[in-house]
Amino acid sequence: MGALPSPALSEGAVDFIDDERLQGLLMSARPDPIGIREIIAKSLAKQALTVEETADLLAIEDRDLIEETFAAARRLKREVYGNRIVLFAPLYIGNRCLNDCAYCGFRRSNPDAVRRTLSDEEIQRQVEALENKGHKRLILVFGEHPDYDASFIAHCARLVYRTKVGRGEIRRVNINAAPLDHEGYRVVKEAGIGTYQIFQETYHHPTYRRLHPPTTRKGDYLYRLDALSRALEAGCDDVGIGALFGLYDWRFEVLGLVSHALHLQERFGVGPHTISFPRLQPACGVRFDWPHLVNDFDFMRLVAVLRLAVPYTGLILTARERPALRREVMAFGVSQIDAGSRIEIGGYTEVGDTQIMEREQFALGDLRSLDEVIRELMEDGYIPSFCTSCYRLGRTGQRFMEFSIPGFIKNFCTPNALTTLLEYLVDYASPQTRAVGERLVAAEVKRLEEGPVKAALLRNLQAIRETDQRDLYF
């Protein structure tokens, strides 16, 4: 058995969430059309918004102005990310947990939860099943428990990387796990992980205290809030933040996320690589009479406002949401989604299409296969991407921002998205999906300017179609 990491905080750790100030901004905001359009113009100029400006967007009540924020989010998404959508899948490694979060099916006191930690052989079988579907990017999910220490997380990441079947391989392993100390982050970084993701769950202090017993490690608000500052100090240059919407007022949580992003930017010169915004969903042994559940329209609003507030931060939309809503929200600035997801422990080899709630953290809303999701994305004009080149070429953290802010990243992202898409089409896609995809690839190539990048891309695409060469990237 491992041990819990030390409770040490980062250098100069501070609780930067001022509840009274954030609440006051939401209550005092009186947005007028001229002011709102100035804020939107700032965002469209690729400048991050202040917390005050974000509060003004959240306070809009006029439906026409809300529609203007939707339109601006769509435009900003196209300008910064183009029509690419990055795909990944979650892989739950173990659900043993010392915490007792009131909203979680894996909470310590839930007698109905089936506790399990995958063995090495079982992890390999899960990864092989995912590779056989065409996945290239995974996020490994762990409960907070001494068994899941930094060494175990690093071991699992290495095991995933070396597990290959046929032409399949996992090229990017992200982590969703408990906060670590500095040494723990260094250990997992050495294993070649990508993004280390930690959700604050709720930024509202009273709600946080009510839902997370003080006798648990997660009951320490500042320790969790400071977690990604420690990760950045330890050299993990890609971190992801998130909130679980439905625990408290969704507008407050948006301000919390923006505050967190700005804090990391100001302190480390780089904000979070991603922001996640999952909504509460039913879970085994968990009540579902929460007073702050977010309706679909407000969910669309929060995604649009986040896109405008943090133009260069990736936004992750999960399979908690129904397919129809995912399809609608995609255009508001989403850059990553999971697809073909199963969140039962062992779910990729041991279950069919029916969810087994005793083995899940929460219910999923989108159980479609990866092939179905990819086909719909392409029919809607998106380029599904499995690209991982930036991470492996060192274009991460501050260096990623140096490339992305001037727009240089466009020279890499679309070509790399097309090569990874063609890999999927040739190696894994159904005939129907391949036909849709080949038409999309041809149309996207035609749009590219003539020059050395396009010429190299054409050579790479030909090699993928005619040889066993794979993983060709810029």
Protein backbone atom coordinates (compact mmCIF):
# COMPACT_ATOMS: atom_id res chain seq x y z
CA MET A 1 0.00 0.00 0.00
CA GLY A 2 1.18 3.50 -0.76
CA ALA A 3 0.67 6.57 1.36
CA LEU A 4 -1.25 9.79 1.07
CA PRO A 5 0.90 12.68 -0.17
CA SER A 6 2.12 15.26 2.29
CA PRO A 7 -0.27 18.14 3.02
CA ALA A 8 2.34 20.73 2.02
CA LEU A 9 1.08 23.62 -0.10
CA SER A 10 2.73 25.46 -2.97
CA GLU A 11 5.03 28.39 -2.37
CA GLY A 12 2.89 31.39 -1.48
CA ALA A 13 -0.34 29.38 -1.60
CA VAL A 14 -3.41 31.57 -1.21
CA ASP A 15 -7.16 31.13 -1.28
CA PHE A 16 -7.95 33.41 -4.21
CA ILE A 17 -11.70 32.72 -4.21
CA ASP A 18 -13.53 35.56 -2.43
CA ASP A 19 -17.15 34.42 -2.12
CA GLU A 20 -18.50 37.82 -1.13
CA ARG A 21 -16.77 39.55 -4.02
CA LEU A 22 -18.00 37.04 -6.61
CA GLN A 23 -21.53 37.10 -5.24
CA GLY A 24 -21.41 40.89 -5.21
CA LEU A 25 -20.36 41.02 -8.86
CA LEU A 26 -23.28 38.83 -9.85
CA MET A 27 -25.75 40.90 -7.84
CA SER A 28 -24.49 44.31 -8.93
CA ALA A 29 -23.93 43.64 -12.63
CA ARG A 30 -26.20 45.78 -14.81
CA PRO A 31 -25.18 44.90 -18.34
CA ASP A 32 -26.14 47.33 -21.09
CA PRO A 33 -25.97 46.45 -24.81
CA ILE A 34 -23.08 48.83 -25.53
CA GLY A 35 -20.99 47.50 -22.66
CA ILE A 36 -21.75 43.88 -23.52
CA ARG A 37 -20.74 44.39 -27.14
CA GLU A 38 -17.47 45.97 -26.01
CA ILE A 39 -16.78 42.90 -23.86
CA ILE A 40 -17.59 40.60 -26.76
CA ALA A 41 -15.28 42.62 -29.03
CA LYS A 42 -12.47 42.21 -26.50
CA SER A 43 -12.99 38.47 -26.47
CA LEU A 44 -13.07 38.29 -30.26
CA ALA A 45 -9.73 40.12 -30.21
CA LYS A 46 -8.45 37.01 -28.35
CA GLN A 47 -8.04 38.76 -25.01
CA ALA A 48 -8.98 36.98 -21.80
CA LEU A 49 -11.82 38.63 -19.90
CA THR A 50 -11.68 39.83 -16.33
CA VAL A 51 -13.89 38.33 -13.67
CA GLU A 52 -15.94 41.55 -13.72
CA GLU A 53 -16.49 41.34 -17.47
CA THR A 54 -17.44 37.68 -17.17
CA ALA A 55 -19.99 38.59 -14.50
CA ASP A 56 -21.56 41.10 -16.89
CA LEU A 57 -21.99 38.37 -19.51
CA LEU A 58 -23.55 36.06 -16.93
CA ALA A 59 -26.02 38.76 -15.85
CA ILE A 60 -27.53 39.26 -19.31
CA GLU A 61 -31.28 38.72 -19.32
CA ASP A 62 -32.14 40.08 -22.76
CA ARG A 63 -32.60 37.13 -25.11
CA ASP A 64 -31.18 38.96 -28.12
CA LEU A 65 -27.98 39.79 -26.22
CA ILE A 66 -27.70 36.18 -25.09
CA GLU A 67 -27.94 35.12 -28.73
CA GLU A 68 -25.13 37.56 -29.50
CA THR A 69 -22.92 35.78 -26.96
CA PHE A 70 -23.79 32.46 -28.60
CA ALA A 71 -22.85 33.85 -32.01
CA ALA A 72 -19.60 35.29 -30.68
CA ALA A 73 -18.67 31.98 -29.03
CA ARG A 74 -19.27 30.15 -32.31
CA ARG A 75 -17.09 32.65 -34.15
CA LEU A 76 -14.30 32.51 -31.59
CA LYS A 77 -14.33 28.73 -31.68
CA ARG A 78 -13.87 28.73 -35.46
CA GLU A 79 -11.12 31.35 -35.35
CA VAL A 80 -9.05 29.75 -32.59
CA TYR A 81 -9.71 26.04 -33.07
CA GLY A 82 -11.10 25.81 -36.59
CA ASN A 83 -13.49 22.94 -37.09
CA ARG A 84 -11.42 20.35 -35.21
CA ILE A 85 -12.75 18.31 -32.30
CA VAL A 86 -10.25 16.24 -30.33
CA LEU A 87 -11.46 12.82 -29.17
CA PHE A 88 -10.52 10.79 -26.10
CA ALA A 89 -11.90 8.11 -23.79
CA PRO A 90 -11.88 7.73 -20.00
CA LEU A 91 -10.45 4.59 -18.43
CA TYR A 92 -11.36 4.03 -14.77
CA ILE A 93 -8.52 2.19 -13.04
CA GLY A 94 -9.90 1.93 -9.51
CA ASN A 95 -12.73 3.28 -7.37
CA ARG A 96 -11.47 2.75 -3.85
CA CYS A 97 -11.82 6.12 -2.11
CA LEU A 98 -11.31 7.65 1.32
CA ASN A 99 -13.56 10.62 0.54
CA ASP A 100 -17.29 10.79 1.19
CA CYS A 101 -18.53 13.34 -1.36
CA ALA A 102 -22.31 13.56 -1.12
CA TYR A 103 -22.84 13.55 -4.91
CA CYS A 104 -20.54 10.67 -5.91
CA GLY A 105 -21.47 7.03 -6.47
CA PHE A 106 -17.96 6.03 -5.40
CA ARG A 107 -18.16 7.81 -2.04
CA ARG A 108 -16.76 5.87 0.91
CA SER A 109 -20.09 5.35 2.69
CA ASN A 110 -21.99 3.98 -0.31
CA PRO A 111 -22.65 0.30 0.48
CA ASP A 112 -23.92 -0.41 -3.04
CA ALA A 113 -20.73 0.56 -4.87
CA VAL A 114 -18.73 -2.39 -6.19
CA ARG A 115 -15.11 -1.70 -5.18
CA ARG A 116 -12.42 -2.77 -7.57
CA THR A 117 -8.95 -1.93 -8.83
CA LEU A 118 -7.87 -3.26 -12.20
CA SER A 119 -4.86 -5.55 -12.30
CA ASP A 120 -2.11 -5.02 -14.86
CA GLU A 121 -3.58 -7.75 -17.04
CA GLU A 122 -7.05 -6.20 -16.79
CA ILE A 123 -5.69 -2.75 -17.67
CA GLN A 124 -4.02 -4.21 -20.73
CA ARG A 125 -7.28 -5.84 -21.84
CA GLN A 126 -9.12 -2.54 -21.44
CA VAL A 127 -6.48 -0.67 -23.43
CA GLU A 128 -6.46 -3.29 -26.19
CA ALA A 129 -10.25 -3.02 -26.47
CA LEU A 130 -9.98 0.77 -26.76
CA GLU A 131 -7.19 0.52 -29.34
CA ASN A 132 -9.22 -1.92 -31.38
CA LYS A 133 -11.91 0.75 -31.61
CA GLY A 134 -9.38 3.35 -32.80
CA HIS A 135 -8.67 5.39 -29.68
CA LYS A 136 -5.33 7.15 -29.34
CA ARG A 137 -5.91 9.37 -26.27
CA LEU A 138 -7.04 8.27 -22.81
CA ILE A 139 -7.63 9.86 -19.44
CA LEU A 140 -6.99 7.49 -16.53
CA VAL A 141 -9.31 7.99 -13.55
CA PHE A 142 -8.50 7.03 -9.95
CA GLY A 143 -10.22 7.36 -6.61
CA GLU A 144 -8.39 9.06 -3.73
CA HIS A 145 -6.81 6.24 -1.79
CA PRO A 146 -3.34 5.28 -0.54
CA ASP A 147 -3.31 2.43 -3.08
CA TYR A 148 -3.39 5.00 -5.87
CA ASP A 149 -0.23 6.89 -5.02
CA ALA A 150 2.03 8.66 -7.51
CA SER A 151 4.08 5.52 -8.17
CA PHE A 152 0.96 3.51 -8.98
CA ILE A 153 -0.40 6.24 -11.27
CA ALA A 154 2.96 6.43 -13.07
CA HIS A 155 3.05 2.64 -13.39
CA CYS A 156 -0.42 2.61 -14.94
CA ALA A 157 0.53 5.35 -17.42
CA ARG A 158 3.63 3.45 -18.54
CA LEU A 159 1.63 0.24 -18.84
CA VAL A 160 -0.91 1.95 -21.08
CA TYR A 161 1.79 3.42 -23.31
CA ARG A 162 3.50 0.07 -23.87
CA THR A 163 0.27 -1.82 -24.55
CA LYS A 164 -0.18 -2.05 -28.31
CA VAL A 165 -2.33 -4.24 -30.52
CA GLY A 166 -2.24 -4.31 -34.33
CA ARG A 167 -1.79 -0.75 -35.53
CA GLY A 168 -3.22 0.56 -32.29
CA GLU A 169 -1.39 2.52 -29.64
CA ILE A 170 -2.19 5.12 -27.01
CA ARG A 171 -0.19 8.27 -27.66
CA ARG A 172 -1.48 10.53 -24.90
CA VAL A 173 -2.32 9.55 -21.31
CA ASN A 174 -3.98 12.24 -19.21
CA ILE A 175 -4.71 11.80 -15.51
CA ASN A 176 -7.75 12.55 -13.33
CA ALA A 177 -6.73 11.75 -9.79
CA ALA A 178 -6.33 13.13 -6.29
CA PRO A 179 -4.03 16.08 -5.57
CA LEU A 180 -0.38 15.17 -5.07
CA ASP A 181 2.59 16.80 -3.41
CA HIS A 182 5.50 18.19 -5.40
CA GLU A 183 7.43 14.92 -5.48
CA GLY A 184 4.32 13.02 -6.55
CA TYR A 185 3.79 15.30 -9.51
CA ARG A 186 7.42 14.87 -10.53
CA VAL A 187 7.00 11.09 -10.43
CA VAL A 188 3.95 11.09 -12.70
CA LYS A 189 5.49 13.67 -15.02
CA GLU A 190 8.49 11.38 -15.56
CA ALA A 191 6.05 8.70 -16.74
CA GLY A 192 5.17 10.88 -19.73
CA ILE A 193 1.67 11.92 -18.73
CA GLY A 194 -0.10 14.70 -20.56
CA THR A 195 -2.58 16.84 -18.62
CA TYR A 196 -3.10 16.38 -14.87
CA GLN A 197 -6.75 17.20 -14.23
CA ILE A 198 -8.30 18.09 -10.87
CA PHE A 199 -11.80 19.50 -10.37
CA GLN A 200 -12.52 21.81 -7.46
CA GLU A 201 -16.12 20.51 -7.80
CA THR A 202 -17.57 23.73 -6.32
CA TYR A 203 -15.77 27.00 -5.66
CA HIS A 204 -18.42 28.13 -3.15
CA HIS A 205 -16.90 27.67 0.31
CA PRO A 206 -20.09 26.89 2.30
CA THR A 207 -21.27 24.39 -0.31
CA TYR A 208 -17.83 22.80 -0.46
CA ARG A 209 -17.79 22.36 3.33
CA ARG A 210 -21.30 20.89 3.33
CA LEU A 211 -20.56 18.28 0.64
CA HIS A 212 -17.05 17.23 1.67
CA PRO A 213 -16.72 16.04 5.28
CA PRO A 214 -13.89 17.81 7.14
CA THR A 215 -12.54 14.45 8.28
CA THR A 216 -11.52 13.60 4.70
CA ARG A 217 -8.56 14.85 2.68
CA LYS A 218 -10.95 16.39 0.17
CA GLY A 219 -12.52 18.38 2.99
CA ASP A 220 -9.48 20.70 2.90
CA TYR A 221 -10.62 23.39 0.44
CA LEU A 222 -7.27 25.16 0.11
CA TYR A 223 -5.27 21.95 -0.32
CA ARG A 224 -7.42 21.09 -3.31
CA LEU A 225 -7.56 24.63 -4.69
CA ASP A 226 -3.76 24.79 -4.53
CA ALA A 227 -3.27 21.36 -6.12
CA LEU A 228 -2.52 22.48 -9.66
CA SER A 229 -0.24 25.26 -8.48
CA ARG A 230 1.88 22.51 -6.93
CA ALA A 231 1.70 20.57 -10.18
CA LEU A 232 2.98 23.53 -12.17
CA GLU A 233 5.75 24.17 -9.66
CA ALA A 234 6.78 20.53 -10.03
CA GLY A 235 7.01 20.73 -13.82
CA CYS A 236 3.61 19.45 -14.97
CA ASP A 237 3.11 22.14 -17.59
CA ASP A 238 -0.37 21.05 -18.72
CA VAL A 239 -3.11 21.09 -16.08
CA GLY A 240 -6.89 20.95 -16.28
CA ILE A 241 -9.49 22.53 -14.00
CA GLY A 242 -13.21 21.92 -13.70
CA ALA A 243 -16.37 22.34 -11.67
CA LEU A 244 -19.32 20.01 -11.20
CA PHE A 245 -22.29 22.12 -12.21
CA GLY A 246 -25.40 21.63 -10.13
CA LEU A 247 -23.81 21.80 -6.69
CA TYR A 248 -24.25 25.58 -6.48
CA ASP A 249 -25.31 28.56 -8.64
CA TRP A 250 -23.87 27.93 -12.10
CA ARG A 251 -22.97 31.58 -12.56
CA PHE A 252 -20.83 31.57 -9.39
CA GLU A 253 -19.03 28.43 -10.56
CA VAL A 254 -18.22 30.07 -13.91
CA LEU A 255 -16.65 32.99 -12.02
CA GLY A 256 -14.73 30.49 -9.90
CA LEU A 257 -13.31 28.78 -12.97
CA VAL A 258 -12.35 32.08 -14.57
CA SER A 259 -10.76 33.22 -11.31
CA HIS A 260 -8.76 29.99 -11.18
CA ALA A 261 -7.62 30.35 -14.79
CA LEU A 262 -6.54 33.95 -14.22
CA HIS A 263 -4.71 33.03 -11.01
CA LEU A 264 -2.65 30.37 -12.77
CA GLN A 265 -1.95 32.73 -15.68
CA GLU A 266 -0.79 35.52 -13.39
CA ARG A 267 1.32 33.28 -11.18
CA PHE A 268 2.87 30.91 -13.71
CA GLY A 269 2.53 32.70 -17.03
CA VAL A 270 0.22 30.00 -18.40
CA GLY A 271 -3.37 29.19 -17.59
CA PRO A 272 -5.04 25.78 -17.53
CA HIS A 273 -4.76 23.71 -20.68
CA THR A 274 -8.40 22.64 -20.33
CA ILE A 275 -11.58 23.49 -18.46
CA SER A 276 -14.28 20.89 -17.85
CA PHE A 277 -17.88 21.69 -16.97
CA PRO A 278 -19.75 18.42 -16.27
CA ARG A 279 -23.30 18.55 -14.90
CA LEU A 280 -24.56 16.46 -12.01
CA GLN A 281 -26.07 13.18 -13.17
CA PRO A 282 -27.84 10.40 -11.24
CA ALA A 283 -25.56 7.96 -9.43
CA CYS A 284 -26.06 4.75 -7.51
CA GLY A 285 -26.95 5.39 -3.88
CA VAL A 286 -27.02 9.17 -4.32
CA ARG A 287 -30.07 11.40 -3.90
CA PHE A 288 -30.93 13.59 -6.88
CA ASP A 289 -32.99 16.43 -5.42
CA TRP A 290 -30.27 19.04 -5.81
CA PRO A 291 -31.56 22.65 -5.74
CA HIS A 292 -29.05 24.05 -8.25
CA LEU A 293 -29.39 21.65 -11.19
CA VAL A 294 -28.58 23.44 -14.45
CA ASN A 295 -31.13 23.36 -17.28
CA ASP A 296 -30.09 22.91 -20.90
CA PHE A 297 -30.37 26.57 -21.86
CA ASP A 298 -28.25 27.75 -18.95
CA PHE A 299 -25.79 24.97 -19.74
CA MET A 300 -25.41 26.38 -23.25
CA ARG A 301 -24.94 29.83 -21.75
CA LEU A 302 -22.18 28.76 -19.39
CA VAL A 303 -20.27 27.06 -22.21
CA ALA A 304 -20.55 30.16 -24.40
CA VAL A 305 -19.44 32.48 -21.58
CA LEU A 306 -16.46 30.26 -20.74
CA ARG A 307 -15.41 30.28 -24.38
CA LEU A 308 -15.54 34.08 -24.46
CA ALA A 309 -13.79 34.48 -21.10
CA VAL A 310 -10.79 32.22 -21.87
CA PRO A 311 -10.27 32.27 -25.65
CA TYR A 312 -7.22 29.97 -25.73
CA THR A 313 -8.22 27.39 -23.14
CA GLY A 314 -9.56 24.05 -24.33
CA LEU A 315 -13.13 23.24 -23.30
CA ILE A 316 -14.10 19.62 -22.63
CA LEU A 317 -17.67 18.40 -23.14
CA THR A 318 -18.30 14.96 -21.66
CA ALA A 319 -20.57 12.05 -22.46
CA ARG A 320 -22.62 12.87 -19.37
CA GLU A 321 -24.74 14.90 -21.81
CA ARG A 322 -27.28 13.54 -24.27
CA PRO A 323 -26.26 13.30 -27.96
CA ALA A 324 -28.66 16.03 -29.13
CA LEU A 325 -27.39 18.54 -26.58
CA ARG A 326 -23.77 17.64 -27.25
CA ARG A 327 -24.38 18.29 -30.92
CA GLU A 328 -25.82 21.73 -30.19
CA VAL A 329 -23.26 22.82 -27.60
CA MET A 330 -20.31 21.69 -29.72
CA ALA A 331 -20.40 24.86 -31.78
CA PHE A 332 -20.17 27.15 -28.73
CA GLY A 333 -16.48 26.60 -28.28
CA VAL A 334 -15.92 22.97 -27.33
CA SER A 335 -12.53 21.64 -28.40
CA GLN A 336 -12.52 18.13 -26.85
CA ILE A 337 -15.10 15.40 -26.25
CA ASP A 338 -15.02 11.82 -25.10
CA ALA A 339 -16.69 9.19 -27.26
CA GLY A 340 -17.44 5.49 -27.03
CA SER A 341 -17.06 5.93 -23.26
CA ARG A 342 -17.75 3.39 -20.53
CA ILE A 343 -17.10 4.36 -16.93
CA GLU A 344 -17.67 1.05 -15.17
CA ILE A 345 -14.48 -0.49 -13.83
CA GLY A 346 -13.67 -2.96 -16.61
CA GLY A 347 -16.47 -1.55 -18.73
CA TYR A 348 -14.79 -1.82 -22.14
CA THR A 349 -14.64 -5.61 -22.05
CA GLU A 350 -17.16 -6.77 -19.46
CA VAL A 351 -20.43 -4.96 -20.11
CA GLY A 352 -22.74 -4.48 -23.05
CA ASP A 353 -24.92 -1.49 -23.82
CA THR A 354 -26.68 -1.40 -20.44
CA GLN A 355 -25.13 0.76 -17.75
CA ILE A 356 -24.35 -1.00 -14.47
CA MET A 357 -24.87 1.76 -11.96
CA GLU A 358 -23.26 -0.06 -9.02
CA ARG A 359 -20.01 -0.03 -11.00
CA GLU A 360 -20.24 3.57 -12.25
CA GLN A 361 -19.47 6.92 -10.66
CA PHE A 362 -22.53 8.46 -12.36
CA ALA A 363 -24.86 7.88 -15.30
CA LEU A 364 -23.79 8.66 -18.86
CA GLY A 365 -26.07 10.37 -21.36
CA ASP A 366 -24.26 9.38 -24.56
CA LEU A 367 -23.48 5.68 -25.00
CA ARG A 368 -22.92 5.77 -28.76
CA SER A 369 -19.90 4.06 -30.24
CA LEU A 370 -16.80 5.96 -31.29
CA ASP A 371 -17.65 5.22 -34.91
CA GLU A 372 -21.14 6.72 -34.59
CA VAL A 373 -19.85 9.86 -32.91
CA ILE A 374 -17.11 10.35 -35.49
CA ARG A 375 -19.56 9.94 -38.37
CA GLU A 376 -21.94 12.52 -36.91
CA LEU A 377 -19.09 14.96 -36.31
CA MET A 378 -18.00 14.68 -39.92
CA GLU A 379 -21.54 15.02 -41.22
CA ASP A 380 -21.72 18.27 -39.23
CA GLY A 381 -18.52 19.54 -40.81
CA TYR A 382 -16.06 18.86 -37.99
CA ILE A 383 -12.67 17.17 -38.30
CA PRO A 384 -12.40 14.52 -35.58
CA SER A 385 -8.81 14.56 -34.36
CA PHE A 386 -6.61 12.20 -32.35
CA CYS A 387 -3.59 14.48 -32.68
CA THR A 388 -0.95 14.35 -29.94
CA SER A 389 1.97 15.96 -31.74
CA CYS A 390 2.25 19.13 -29.64
CA TYR A 391 2.75 17.13 -26.45
CA ARG A 392 5.43 14.90 -27.92
CA LEU A 393 7.26 17.77 -29.62
CA GLY A 394 7.32 19.91 -26.50
CA ARG A 395 4.69 22.41 -27.61
CA THR A 396 3.12 22.51 -24.15
CA GLY A 397 2.63 25.02 -21.36
CA GLN A 398 4.05 28.43 -22.20
CA ARG A 399 5.52 27.19 -25.47
CA PHE A 400 2.07 26.07 -26.61
CA MET A 401 0.75 29.56 -25.96
CA GLU A 402 3.63 31.05 -27.94
CA PHE A 403 2.53 28.97 -30.90
CA SER A 404 -1.22 29.20 -30.48
CA ILE A 405 -1.79 32.87 -29.71
CA PRO A 406 -0.29 34.20 -32.97
CA GLY A 407 -2.16 31.53 -34.91
CA PHE A 408 0.93 29.54 -35.89
CA ILE A 409 -0.70 26.43 -34.49
CA LYS A 410 -2.99 26.35 -37.53
CA ASN A 411 -0.01 25.20 -39.55
CA PHE A 412 0.09 22.07 -37.43
CA CYS A 413 -3.39 21.32 -36.15
CA THR A 414 -5.42 20.85 -39.33
CA PRO A 415 -2.79 18.71 -41.10
CA ASN A 416 -2.26 16.59 -37.99
CA ALA A 417 -6.00 16.24 -37.45
CA LEU A 418 -6.42 15.00 -41.03
CA THR A 419 -3.65 12.41 -40.77
CA THR A 420 -4.99 11.01 -37.49
CA LEU A 421 -8.50 10.98 -38.93
CA LEU A 422 -7.34 9.08 -42.00
CA GLU A 423 -5.59 6.56 -39.76
CA TYR A 424 -8.92 5.94 -38.09
CA LEU A 425 -10.80 5.72 -41.40
CA VAL A 426 -8.36 3.24 -42.91
CA ASP A 427 -7.79 1.07 -39.84
CA TYR A 428 -11.05 1.10 -37.85
CA ALA A 429 -14.00 2.86 -39.44
CA SER A 430 -17.16 1.19 -40.70
CA PRO A 431 -17.65 1.42 -44.48
CA GLN A 432 -20.32 4.11 -44.04
CA THR A 433 -18.11 6.21 -41.78
CA ARG A 434 -15.10 5.80 -44.06
CA ALA A 435 -17.10 7.03 -47.06
CA VAL A 436 -18.20 10.15 -45.16
CA GLY A 437 -14.66 10.68 -43.91
CA GLU A 438 -12.94 10.35 -47.27
CA ARG A 439 -15.17 13.06 -48.67
CA LEU A 440 -14.39 15.30 -45.71
CA VAL A 441 -10.63 14.75 -45.96
CA ALA A 442 -10.68 15.57 -49.68
CA ALA A 443 -12.65 18.76 -49.06
CA GLU A 444 -10.38 19.90 -46.22
CA VAL A 445 -7.21 19.25 -48.23
CA LYS A 446 -8.63 21.25 -51.11
CA ARG A 447 -9.13 24.24 -48.78
CA LEU A 448 -5.48 24.33 -47.72
CA GLU A 449 -3.13 26.83 -49.31
CA GLU A 450 -0.61 25.43 -51.76
CA GLY A 451 2.85 25.16 -50.28
CA PRO A 452 5.26 22.84 -48.47
CA VAL A 453 2.85 22.01 -45.63
CA LYS A 454 0.14 20.87 -48.01
CA ALA A 455 2.64 18.94 -50.11
CA ALA A 456 3.94 17.12 -47.03
CA LEU A 457 0.40 16.42 -45.87
CA LEU A 458 -0.48 14.85 -49.21
CA ARG A 459 2.57 12.58 -48.94
CA ASN A 460 1.56 11.57 -45.42
CA LEU A 461 -2.01 10.81 -46.45
CA GLN A 462 -0.80 8.69 -49.34
CA ALA A 463 1.55 6.78 -47.05
CA ILE A 464 -1.28 6.03 -44.62
CA ARG A 465 -3.50 4.74 -47.41
CA GLU A 466 -0.84 2.64 -49.15
CA THR A 467 1.58 1.49 -46.43
CA ASP A 468 1.77 0.56 -42.75
CA GLN A 469 3.30 3.95 -41.88
CA ARG A 470 1.42 5.66 -39.06
CA ASP A 471 1.92 8.49 -36.59
CA LEU A 472 3.08 10.96 -39.23
CA TYR A 473 2.87 14.46 -37.85
CA PHE A 474 4.12 18.04 -38.06
